[in-house]
Amino acid sequence: MAWIYLVVSGLLESVWAAALSQSRGFSRLGPSALFLVALALSMGGLGLALRELPVGTAYAVWVGIGAVGTAAYGMVALGEPATTARMLCLLAIVAGVAGLKLVS
């Protein structure tokens, strides 16, 4: 169950990062509220996952999922460049996250 909490929390990290970007410095109510809710749920899920998983592994996986998800959002929804170099770097993050899961 800890891994499920961790993955969902990592996905919520992408949600709060995207909402933070869309809040325009907390000047827009909807994205600002979404940011706060997603942030609280993401941190809460990470906390639940830490009951069973080592902090180093859990945090690295949480950040990795959030980073890749947020970068993907930027490329798909915001028109950020999807260069070969960026894709290879994101693939390296995914490989690292998968590796941490396999050795835990």
PDB file of N, CA and C in Angstrom:
ATOM      1  N   MET A   1       0.813  -1.197   0.000  1.00  0.00           N
ATOM      2  CA  MET A   1       0.000   0.000   0.000  1.00  0.00           C
ATOM      3  C   MET A   1       0.860   1.266   0.000  1.00  0.00           C
ATOM      4  N   ALA A   2       2.033   1.185   0.623  1.00  0.00           N
ATOM      5  CA  ALA A   2       2.914   2.352   0.695  1.00  0.00           C
ATOM      6  C   ALA A   2       3.315   2.827  -0.696  1.00  0.00           C
ATOM      7  N   TRP A   3       3.564   1.904  -1.603  1.00  0.00           N
ATOM      8  CA  TRP A   3       3.957   2.283  -2.959  1.00  0.00           C
ATOM      9  C   TRP A   3       2.814   2.961  -3.700  1.00  0.00           C
ATOM     10  N   ILE A   4       1.589   2.548  -3.430  1.00  0.00           N
ATOM     11  CA  ILE A   4       0.436   3.200  -4.056  1.00  0.00           C
ATOM     12  C   ILE A   4       0.326   4.639  -3.556  1.00  0.00           C
ATOM     13  N   TYR A   5       0.440   4.815  -2.240  1.00  0.00           N
ATOM     14  CA  TYR A   5       0.438   6.176  -1.687  1.00  0.00           C
ATOM     15  C   TYR A   5       1.531   7.027  -2.328  1.00  0.00           C
ATOM     16  N   LEU A   6       2.690   6.428  -2.481  1.00  0.00           N
ATOM     17  CA  LEU A   6       3.832   7.167  -3.014  1.00  0.00           C
ATOM     18  C   LEU A   6       3.614   7.587  -4.467  1.00  0.00           C
ATOM     19  N   VAL A   7       3.126   6.684  -5.288  1.00  0.00           N
ATOM     20  CA  VAL A   7       2.894   7.007  -6.701  1.00  0.00           C
ATOM     21  C   VAL A   7       1.809   8.070  -6.839  1.00  0.00           C
ATOM     22  N   VAL A   8       0.712   7.912  -6.119  1.00  0.00           N
ATOM     23  CA  VAL A   8      -0.360   8.913  -6.183  1.00  0.00           C
ATOM     24  C   VAL A   8       0.148  10.261  -5.688  1.00  0.00           C
ATOM     25  N   SER A   9       0.941  10.252  -4.636  1.00  0.00           N
ATOM     26  CA  SER A   9       1.505  11.498  -4.107  1.00  0.00           C
ATOM     27  C   SER A   9       2.440  12.151  -5.113  1.00  0.00           C
ATOM     28  N   GLY A  10       3.216  11.343  -5.829  1.00  0.00           N
ATOM     29  CA  GLY A  10       4.090  11.883  -6.868  1.00  0.00           C
ATOM     30  C   GLY A  10       3.297  12.513  -7.996  1.00  0.00           C
ATOM     31  N   LEU A  11       2.199  11.875  -8.381  1.00  0.00           N
ATOM     32  CA  LEU A  11       1.338  12.454  -9.417  1.00  0.00           C
ATOM     33  C   LEU A  11       0.706  13.761  -8.932  1.00  0.00           C
ATOM     34  N   LEU A  12       0.318  13.787  -7.668  1.00  0.00           N
ATOM     35  CA  LEU A  12      -0.233  15.022  -7.099  1.00  0.00           C
ATOM     36  C   LEU A  12       0.815  16.126  -7.023  1.00  0.00           C
ATOM     37  N   GLU A  13       2.070  15.748  -6.929  1.00  0.00           N
ATOM     38  CA  GLU A  13       3.129  16.766  -6.968  1.00  0.00           C
ATOM     39  C   GLU A  13       3.105  17.480  -8.316  1.00  0.00           C
ATOM     40  N   SER A  14       2.897  16.725  -9.386  1.00  0.00           N
ATOM     41  CA  SER A  14       2.777  17.343 -10.706  1.00  0.00           C
ATOM     42  C   SER A  14       1.567  18.260 -10.776  1.00  0.00           C
ATOM     43  N   VAL A  15       0.468  17.846 -10.151  1.00  0.00           N
ATOM     44  CA  VAL A  15      -0.747  18.672 -10.146  1.00  0.00           C
ATOM     45  C   VAL A  15      -0.486  19.989  -9.437  1.00  0.00           C
ATOM     46  N   TRP A  16       0.129  19.917  -8.241  1.00  0.00           N
ATOM     47  CA  TRP A  16       0.336  21.184  -7.527  1.00  0.00           C
ATOM     48  C   TRP A  16       1.359  22.071  -8.225  1.00  0.00           C
ATOM     49  N   ALA A  17       2.348  21.492  -8.863  1.00  0.00           N
ATOM     50  CA  ALA A  17       3.328  22.313  -9.583  1.00  0.00           C
ATOM     51  C   ALA A  17       2.673  23.016 -10.769  1.00  0.00           C
ATOM     52  N   ALA A  18       1.837  22.280 -11.497  1.00  0.00           N
ATOM     53  CA  ALA A  18       1.137  22.887 -12.636  1.00  0.00           C
ATOM     54  C   ALA A  18       0.162  23.960 -12.147  1.00  0.00           C
ATOM     55  N   ALA A  19      -0.559  23.680 -11.068  1.00  0.00           N
ATOM     56  CA  ALA A  19      -1.502  24.658 -10.522  1.00  0.00           C
ATOM     57  C   ALA A  19      -0.769  25.902 -10.031  1.00  0.00           C
ATOM     58  N   LEU A  20       0.392  25.711  -9.428  1.00  0.00           N
ATOM     59  CA  LEU A  20       1.183  26.854  -8.969  1.00  0.00           C
ATOM     60  C   LEU A  20       1.557  27.741 -10.146  1.00  0.00           C
ATOM     61  N   SER A  21       1.956  27.122 -11.242  1.00  0.00           N
ATOM     62  CA  SER A  21       2.292  27.882 -12.446  1.00  0.00           C
ATOM     63  C   SER A  21       1.079  28.651 -12.966  1.00  0.00           C
ATOM     64  N   GLN A  22      -0.059  27.992 -12.972  1.00  0.00           N
ATOM     65  CA  GLN A  22      -1.275  28.616 -13.497  1.00  0.00           C
ATOM     66  C   GLN A  22      -1.888  29.644 -12.542  1.00  0.00           C
ATOM     67  N   SER A  23      -1.468  29.639 -11.279  1.00  0.00           N
ATOM     68  CA  SER A  23      -2.035  30.586 -10.308  1.00  0.00           C
ATOM     69  C   SER A  23      -1.537  32.004 -10.537  1.00  0.00           C
ATOM     70  N   ARG A  24      -0.484  32.137 -11.337  1.00  0.00           N
ATOM     71  CA  ARG A  24       0.106  33.454 -11.633  1.00  0.00           C
ATOM     72  C   ARG A  24       0.425  34.216 -10.347  1.00  0.00           C
ATOM     73  N   GLY A  25       1.246  33.548  -9.506  1.00  0.00           N
ATOM     74  CA  GLY A  25       1.666  34.193  -8.254  1.00  0.00           C
ATOM     75  C   GLY A  25       0.527  34.303  -7.257  1.00  0.00           C
ATOM     76  N   PHE A  26      -0.339  33.313  -7.233  1.00  0.00           N
ATOM     77  CA  PHE A  26      -1.499  33.245  -6.338  1.00  0.00           C
ATOM     78  C   PHE A  26      -2.512  34.353  -6.604  1.00  0.00           C
ATOM     79  N   SER A  27      -2.547  34.861  -7.829  1.00  0.00           N
ATOM     80  CA  SER A  27      -3.507  35.916  -8.168  1.00  0.00           C
ATOM     81  C   SER A  27      -4.793  35.350  -8.755  1.00  0.00           C
ATOM     82  N   ARG A  28      -4.824  34.046  -9.029  1.00  0.00           N
ATOM     83  CA  ARG A  28      -6.027  33.398  -9.567  1.00  0.00           C
ATOM     84  C   ARG A  28      -6.517  32.372  -8.545  1.00  0.00           C
ATOM     85  N   LEU A  29      -7.785  32.503  -8.147  1.00  0.00           N
ATOM     86  CA  LEU A  29      -8.332  31.706  -7.048  1.00  0.00           C
ATOM     87  C   LEU A  29      -8.372  30.215  -7.350  1.00  0.00           C
ATOM     88  N   GLY A  30      -8.906  29.814  -8.498  1.00  0.00           N
ATOM     89  CA  GLY A  30      -9.067  28.393  -8.812  1.00  0.00           C
ATOM     90  C   GLY A  30      -7.750  27.623  -8.770  1.00  0.00           C
ATOM     91  N   PRO A  31      -6.756  28.032  -9.559  1.00  0.00           N
ATOM     92  CA  PRO A  31      -5.473  27.332  -9.514  1.00  0.00           C
ATOM     93  C   PRO A  31      -4.782  27.413  -8.149  1.00  0.00           C
ATOM     94  N   SER A  32      -4.973  28.513  -7.439  1.00  0.00           N
ATOM     95  CA  SER A  32      -4.377  28.648  -6.100  1.00  0.00           C
ATOM     96  C   SER A  32      -4.997  27.637  -5.137  1.00  0.00           C
ATOM     97  N   ALA A  33      -6.320  27.479  -5.207  1.00  0.00           N
ATOM     98  CA  ALA A  33      -6.998  26.504  -4.353  1.00  0.00           C
ATOM     99  C   ALA A  33      -6.581  25.084  -4.719  1.00  0.00           C
ATOM    100  N   LEU A  34      -6.506  24.797  -6.019  1.00  0.00           N
ATOM    101  CA  LEU A  34      -6.059  23.474  -6.465  1.00  0.00           C
ATOM    102  C   LEU A  34      -4.643  23.195  -5.976  1.00  0.00           C
ATOM    103  N   PHE A  35      -3.778  24.195  -6.050  1.00  0.00           N
ATOM    104  CA  PHE A  35      -2.412  24.058  -5.541  1.00  0.00           C
ATOM    105  C   PHE A  35      -2.414  23.631  -4.077  1.00  0.00           C
ATOM    106  N   LEU A  36      -3.183  24.325  -3.251  1.00  0.00           N
ATOM    107  CA  LEU A  36      -3.189  24.033  -1.814  1.00  0.00           C
ATOM    108  C   LEU A  36      -3.725  22.633  -1.519  1.00  0.00           C
ATOM    109  N   VAL A  37      -4.798  22.246  -2.194  1.00  0.00           N
ATOM    110  CA  VAL A  37      -5.385  20.922  -1.963  1.00  0.00           C
ATOM    111  C   VAL A  37      -4.419  19.829  -2.433  1.00  0.00           C
ATOM    112  N   ALA A  38      -3.890  19.978  -3.646  1.00  0.00           N
ATOM    113  CA  ALA A  38      -2.972  18.967  -4.176  1.00  0.00           C
ATOM    114  C   ALA A  38      -1.698  18.884  -3.342  1.00  0.00           C
ATOM    115  N   LEU A  39      -1.203  20.020  -2.872  1.00  0.00           N
ATOM    116  CA  LEU A  39      -0.007  20.036  -2.034  1.00  0.00           C
ATOM    117  C   LEU A  39      -0.259  19.281  -0.731  1.00  0.00           C
ATOM    118  N   ALA A  40      -1.378  19.562  -0.088  1.00  0.00           N
ATOM    119  CA  ALA A  40      -1.685  18.891   1.173  1.00  0.00           C
ATOM    120  C   ALA A  40      -1.843  17.387   0.977  1.00  0.00           C
ATOM    121  N   LEU A  41      -2.556  16.989  -0.072  1.00  0.00           N
ATOM    122  CA  LEU A  41      -2.741  15.562  -0.335  1.00  0.00           C
ATOM    123  C   LEU A  41      -1.421  14.881  -0.701  1.00  0.00           C
ATOM    124  N   SER A  42      -0.588  15.568  -1.483  1.00  0.00           N
ATOM    125  CA  SER A  42       0.699  15.012  -1.887  1.00  0.00           C
ATOM    126  C   SER A  42       1.600  14.785  -0.673  1.00  0.00           C
ATOM    127  N   MET A  43       1.687  15.784   0.181  1.00  0.00           N
ATOM    128  CA  MET A  43       2.508  15.657   1.386  1.00  0.00           C
ATOM    129  C   MET A  43       1.942  14.609   2.342  1.00  0.00           C
ATOM    130  N   GLY A  44       0.620  14.583   2.461  1.00  0.00           N
ATOM    131  CA  GLY A  44      -0.012  13.587   3.322  1.00  0.00           C
ATOM    132  C   GLY A  44       0.260  12.168   2.839  1.00  0.00           C
ATOM    133  N   GLY A  45       0.155  11.960   1.539  1.00  0.00           N
ATOM    134  CA  GLY A  45       0.441  10.635   0.986  1.00  0.00           C
ATOM    135  C   GLY A  45       1.897  10.247   1.154  1.00  0.00           C
ATOM    136  N   LEU A  46       2.794  11.210   0.959  1.00  0.00           N
ATOM    137  CA  LEU A  46       4.212  10.935   1.182  1.00  0.00           C
ATOM    138  C   LEU A  46       4.438  10.539   2.636  1.00  0.00           C
ATOM    139  N   GLY A  47       3.788  11.244   3.547  1.00  0.00           N
ATOM    140  CA  GLY A  47       3.912  10.905   4.962  1.00  0.00           C
ATOM    141  C   GLY A  47       3.432   9.491   5.264  1.00  0.00           C
ATOM    142  N   LEU A  48       2.325   9.091   4.645  1.00  0.00           N
ATOM    143  CA  LEU A  48       1.825   7.725   4.837  1.00  0.00           C
ATOM    144  C   LEU A  48       2.803   6.703   4.264  1.00  0.00           C
ATOM    145  N   ALA A  49       3.362   6.992   3.118  1.00  0.00           N
ATOM    146  CA  ALA A  49       4.321   6.071   2.500  1.00  0.00           C
ATOM    147  C   ALA A  49       5.566   5.906   3.370  1.00  0.00           C
ATOM    148  N   LEU A  50       5.948   6.981   4.059  1.00  0.00           N
ATOM    149  CA  LEU A  50       7.154   6.938   4.894  1.00  0.00           C
ATOM    150  C   LEU A  50       6.986   6.065   6.132  1.00  0.00           C
ATOM    151  N   ARG A  51       5.778   5.640   6.413  1.00  0.00           N
ATOM    152  CA  ARG A  51       5.577   4.696   7.519  1.00  0.00           C
ATOM    153  C   ARG A  51       6.241   3.357   7.222  1.00  0.00           C
ATOM    154  N   GLU A  52       6.346   3.018   5.926  1.00  0.00           N
ATOM    155  CA  GLU A  52       6.880   1.712   5.539  1.00  0.00           C
ATOM    156  C   GLU A  52       8.140   1.771   4.684  1.00  0.00           C
ATOM    157  N   LEU A  53       8.363   2.891   4.005  1.00  0.00           N
ATOM    158  CA  LEU A  53       9.494   2.979   3.075  1.00  0.00           C
ATOM    159  C   LEU A  53      10.604   3.854   3.653  1.00  0.00           C
ATOM    160  N   PRO A  54      11.852   3.574   3.281  1.00  0.00           N
ATOM    161  CA  PRO A  54      12.957   4.426   3.721  1.00  0.00           C
ATOM    162  C   PRO A  54      12.813   5.840   3.139  1.00  0.00           C
ATOM    163  N   VAL A  55      13.149   6.835   3.916  1.00  0.00           N
ATOM    164  CA  VAL A  55      12.952   8.218   3.503  1.00  0.00           C
ATOM    165  C   VAL A  55      13.722   8.553   2.217  1.00  0.00           C
ATOM    166  N   GLY A  56      14.942   8.075   2.088  1.00  0.00           N
ATOM    167  CA  GLY A  56      15.729   8.383   0.892  1.00  0.00           C
ATOM    168  C   GLY A  56      15.086   7.833  -0.372  1.00  0.00           C
ATOM    169  N   THR A  57      14.641   6.607  -0.311  1.00  0.00           N
ATOM    170  CA  THR A  57      13.993   5.983  -1.462  1.00  0.00           C
ATOM    171  C   THR A  57      12.669   6.667  -1.767  1.00  0.00           C
ATOM    172  N   ALA A  58      11.843   6.839  -0.749  1.00  0.00           N
ATOM    173  CA  ALA A  58      10.515   7.418  -0.960  1.00  0.00           C
ATOM    174  C   ALA A  58      10.610   8.835  -1.508  1.00  0.00           C
ATOM    175  N   TYR A  59      11.492   9.628  -0.942  1.00  0.00           N
ATOM    176  CA  TYR A  59      11.602  11.014  -1.401  1.00  0.00           C
ATOM    177  C   TYR A  59      12.107  11.074  -2.837  1.00  0.00           C
ATOM    178  N   ALA A  60      13.101  10.259  -3.164  1.00  0.00           N
ATOM    179  CA  ALA A  60      13.633  10.258  -4.528  1.00  0.00           C
ATOM    180  C   ALA A  60      12.565   9.831  -5.540  1.00  0.00           C
ATOM    181  N   VAL A  61      11.790   8.825  -5.197  1.00  0.00           N
ATOM    182  CA  VAL A  61      10.730   8.369  -6.101  1.00  0.00           C
ATOM    183  C   VAL A  61       9.654   9.444  -6.230  1.00  0.00           C
ATOM    184  N   TRP A  62       9.252  10.043  -5.122  1.00  0.00           N
ATOM    185  CA  TRP A  62       8.238  11.096  -5.127  1.00  0.00           C
ATOM    186  C   TRP A  62       8.664  12.271  -6.004  1.00  0.00           C
ATOM    187  N   VAL A  63       9.886  12.724  -5.814  1.00  0.00           N
ATOM    188  CA  VAL A  63      10.400  13.842  -6.605  1.00  0.00           C
ATOM    189  C   VAL A  63      10.527  13.444  -8.079  1.00  0.00           C
ATOM    190  N   GLY A  64      10.997  12.217  -8.334  1.00  0.00           N
ATOM    191  CA  GLY A  64      11.156  11.763  -9.715  1.00  0.00           C
ATOM    192  C   GLY A  64       9.839  11.732 -10.460  1.00  0.00           C
ATOM    193  N   ILE A  65       8.815  11.174  -9.835  1.00  0.00           N
ATOM    194  CA  ILE A  65       7.492  11.132 -10.469  1.00  0.00           C
ATOM    195  C   ILE A  65       6.993  12.551 -10.708  1.00  0.00           C
ATOM    196  N   GLY A  66       7.136  13.394  -9.712  1.00  0.00           N
ATOM    197  CA  GLY A  66       6.685  14.776  -9.859  1.00  0.00           C
ATOM    198  C   GLY A  66       7.443  15.537 -10.933  1.00  0.00           C
ATOM    199  N   ALA A  67       8.742  15.335 -10.991  1.00  0.00           N
ATOM    200  CA  ALA A  67       9.552  16.040 -11.989  1.00  0.00           C
ATOM    201  C   ALA A  67       9.207  15.603 -13.406  1.00  0.00           C
ATOM    202  N   VAL A  68       9.094  14.303 -13.611  1.00  0.00           N
ATOM    203  CA  VAL A  68       8.770  13.802 -14.949  1.00  0.00           C
ATOM    204  C   VAL A  68       7.349  14.217 -15.336  1.00  0.00           C
ATOM    205  N   GLY A  69       6.421  14.097 -14.400  1.00  0.00           N
ATOM    206  CA  GLY A  69       5.043  14.495 -14.689  1.00  0.00           C
ATOM    207  C   GLY A  69       4.919  15.973 -15.005  1.00  0.00           C
ATOM    208  N   THR A  70       5.618  16.791 -14.253  1.00  0.00           N
ATOM    209  CA  THR A  70       5.564  18.231 -14.481  1.00  0.00           C
ATOM    210  C   THR A  70       6.234  18.605 -15.803  1.00  0.00           C
ATOM    211  N   ALA A  71       7.347  17.977 -16.109  1.00  0.00           N
ATOM    212  CA  ALA A  71       8.005  18.230 -17.400  1.00  0.00           C
ATOM    213  C   ALA A  71       7.117  17.802 -18.555  1.00  0.00           C
ATOM    214  N   ALA A  72       6.455  16.651 -18.413  1.00  0.00           N
ATOM    215  CA  ALA A  72       5.540  16.181 -19.468  1.00  0.00           C
ATOM    216  C   ALA A  72       4.386  17.160 -19.645  1.00  0.00           C
ATOM    217  N   TYR A  73       3.829  17.646 -18.536  1.00  0.00           N
ATOM    218  CA  TYR A  73       2.762  18.651 -18.601  1.00  0.00           C
ATOM    219  C   TYR A  73       3.251  19.889 -19.354  1.00  0.00           C
ATOM    220  N   GLY A  74       4.436  20.341 -19.028  1.00  0.00           N
ATOM    221  CA  GLY A  74       4.985  21.518 -19.698  1.00  0.00           C
ATOM    222  C   GLY A  74       5.134  21.312 -21.194  1.00  0.00           C
ATOM    223  N   MET A  75       5.577  20.137 -21.589  1.00  0.00           N
ATOM    224  CA  MET A  75       5.754  19.869 -23.018  1.00  0.00           C
ATOM    225  C   MET A  75       4.419  19.721 -23.746  1.00  0.00           C
ATOM    226  N   VAL A  76       3.476  19.026 -23.113  1.00  0.00           N
ATOM    227  CA  VAL A  76       2.197  18.755 -23.780  1.00  0.00           C
ATOM    228  C   VAL A  76       1.260  19.961 -23.732  1.00  0.00           C
ATOM    229  N   ALA A  77       1.109  20.562 -22.575  1.00  0.00           N
ATOM    230  CA  ALA A  77       0.104  21.604 -22.405  1.00  0.00           C
ATOM    231  C   ALA A  77       0.640  23.020 -22.610  1.00  0.00           C
ATOM    232  N   LEU A  78       1.913  23.228 -22.362  1.00  0.00           N
ATOM    233  CA  LEU A  78       2.455  24.586 -22.409  1.00  0.00           C
ATOM    234  C   LEU A  78       3.395  24.837 -23.579  1.00  0.00           C
ATOM    235  N   GLY A  79       3.587  23.826 -24.400  1.00  0.00           N
ATOM    236  CA  GLY A  79       4.432  24.001 -25.580  1.00  0.00           C
ATOM    237  C   GLY A  79       5.915  24.099 -25.301  1.00  0.00           C
ATOM    238  N   GLU A  80       6.357  23.599 -24.152  1.00  0.00           N
ATOM    239  CA  GLU A  80       7.792  23.590 -23.880  1.00  0.00           C
ATOM    240  C   GLU A  80       8.466  22.605 -24.828  1.00  0.00           C
ATOM    241  N   PRO A  81       9.722  22.846 -25.175  1.00  0.00           N
ATOM    242  CA  PRO A  81      10.378  21.974 -26.168  1.00  0.00           C
ATOM    243  C   PRO A  81      10.545  20.531 -25.674  1.00  0.00           C
ATOM    244  N   ALA A  82      10.296  19.601 -26.574  1.00  0.00           N
ATOM    245  CA  ALA A  82      10.477  18.173 -26.285  1.00  0.00           C
ATOM    246  C   ALA A  82      11.671  17.676 -27.097  1.00  0.00           C
ATOM    247  N   THR A  83      12.835  18.185 -26.749  1.00  0.00           N
ATOM    248  CA  THR A  83      14.042  17.829 -27.492  1.00  0.00           C
ATOM    249  C   THR A  83      14.505  16.424 -27.119  1.00  0.00           C
ATOM    250  N   THR A  84      15.343  15.880 -27.958  1.00  0.00           N
ATOM    251  CA  THR A  84      15.901  14.552 -27.685  1.00  0.00           C
ATOM    252  C   THR A  84      16.662  14.554 -26.359  1.00  0.00           C
ATOM    253  N   ALA A  85      17.436  15.582 -26.122  1.00  0.00           N
ATOM    254  CA  ALA A  85      18.205  15.653 -24.877  1.00  0.00           C
ATOM    255  C   ALA A  85      17.280  15.671 -23.652  1.00  0.00           C
ATOM    256  N   ARG A  86      16.214  16.451 -23.723  1.00  0.00           N
ATOM    257  CA  ARG A  86      15.263  16.487 -22.604  1.00  0.00           C
ATOM    258  C   ARG A  86      14.620  15.133 -22.379  1.00  0.00           C
ATOM    259  N   MET A  87      14.229  14.496 -23.466  1.00  0.00           N
ATOM    260  CA  MET A  87      13.576  13.191 -23.347  1.00  0.00           C
ATOM    261  C   MET A  87      14.531  12.153 -22.758  1.00  0.00           C
ATOM    262  N   LEU A  88      15.784  12.186 -23.159  1.00  0.00           N
ATOM    263  CA  LEU A  88      16.765  11.254 -22.605  1.00  0.00           C
ATOM    264  C   LEU A  88      16.984  11.505 -21.112  1.00  0.00           C
ATOM    265  N   CYS A  89      17.011  12.755 -20.721  1.00  0.00           N
ATOM    266  CA  CYS A  89      17.175  13.073 -19.301  1.00  0.00           C
ATOM    267  C   CYS A  89      15.967  12.601 -18.490  1.00  0.00           C
ATOM    268  N   LEU A  90      14.773  12.803 -19.014  1.00  0.00           N
ATOM    269  CA  LEU A  90      13.570  12.320 -18.335  1.00  0.00           C
ATOM    270  C   LEU A  90      13.551  10.797 -18.268  1.00  0.00           C
ATOM    271  N   LEU A  91      14.019  10.156 -19.315  1.00  0.00           N
ATOM    272  CA  LEU A  91      14.119   8.692 -19.312  1.00  0.00           C
ATOM    273  C   LEU A  91      15.098   8.224 -18.231  1.00  0.00           C
ATOM    274  N   ALA A  92      16.167   8.954 -18.038  1.00  0.00           N
ATOM    275  CA  ALA A  92      17.125   8.611 -16.985  1.00  0.00           C
ATOM    276  C   ALA A  92      16.474   8.717 -15.603  1.00  0.00           C
ATOM    277  N   ILE A  93      15.623   9.723 -15.405  1.00  0.00           N
ATOM    278  CA  ILE A  93      14.912   9.845 -14.130  1.00  0.00           C
ATOM    279  C   ILE A  93      13.978   8.658 -13.933  1.00  0.00           C
ATOM    280  N   VAL A  94      13.230   8.310 -14.974  1.00  0.00           N
ATOM    281  CA  VAL A  94      12.312   7.165 -14.894  1.00  0.00           C
ATOM    282  C   VAL A  94      13.084   5.886 -14.580  1.00  0.00           C
ATOM    283  N   ALA A  95      14.223   5.694 -15.233  1.00  0.00           N
ATOM    284  CA  ALA A  95      15.035   4.506 -14.975  1.00  0.00           C
ATOM    285  C   ALA A  95      15.524   4.494 -13.523  1.00  0.00           C
ATOM    286  N   GLY A  96      15.897   5.631 -12.998  1.00  0.00           N
ATOM    287  CA  GLY A  96      16.334   5.711 -11.609  1.00  0.00           C
ATOM    288  C   GLY A  96      15.214   5.394 -10.632  1.00  0.00           C
ATOM    289  N   VAL A  97      14.029   5.904 -10.904  1.00  0.00           N
ATOM    290  CA  VAL A  97      12.872   5.626 -10.052  1.00  0.00           C
ATOM    291  C   VAL A  97      12.533   4.137 -10.096  1.00  0.00           C
ATOM    292  N   ALA A  98      12.512   3.581 -11.295  1.00  0.00           N
ATOM    293  CA  ALA A  98      12.229   2.137 -11.433  1.00  0.00           C
ATOM    294  C   ALA A  98      13.294   1.311 -10.720  1.00  0.00           C
ATOM    295  N   GLY A  99      14.538   1.723 -10.836  1.00  0.00           N
ATOM    296  CA  GLY A  99      15.611   1.020 -10.153  1.00  0.00           C
ATOM    297  C   GLY A  99      15.448   1.037  -8.640  1.00  0.00           C
ATOM    298  N   LEU A 100      15.050   2.192  -8.101  1.00  0.00           N
ATOM    299  CA  LEU A 100      14.835   2.286  -6.650  1.00  0.00           C
ATOM    300  C   LEU A 100      13.695   1.363  -6.210  1.00  0.00           C
ATOM    301  N   LYS A 101      12.658   1.256  -7.028  1.00  0.00           N
ATOM    302  CA  LYS A 101      11.554   0.359  -6.694  1.00  0.00           C
ATOM    303  C   LYS A 101      12.030  -1.093  -6.709  1.00  0.00           C
ATOM    304  N   LEU A 102      12.849  -1.440  -7.684  1.00  0.00           N
ATOM    305  CA  LEU A 102      13.314  -2.827  -7.817  1.00  0.00           C
ATOM    306  C   LEU A 102      14.237  -3.245  -6.681  1.00  0.00           C
ATOM    307  N   VAL A 103      15.033  -2.334  -6.159  1.00  0.00           N
ATOM    308  CA  VAL A 103      15.977  -2.704  -5.102  1.00  0.00           C
ATOM    309  C   VAL A 103      15.414  -2.499  -3.694  1.00  0.00           C
ATOM    310  N   SER A 104      14.198  -1.972  -3.593  1.00  0.00           N
ATOM    311  CA  SER A 104      13.592  -1.743  -2.263  1.00  0.00           C
ATOM    312  C   SER A 104      12.823  -2.941  -1.803  1.00  0.00           C
TER     313      SER A 104
END
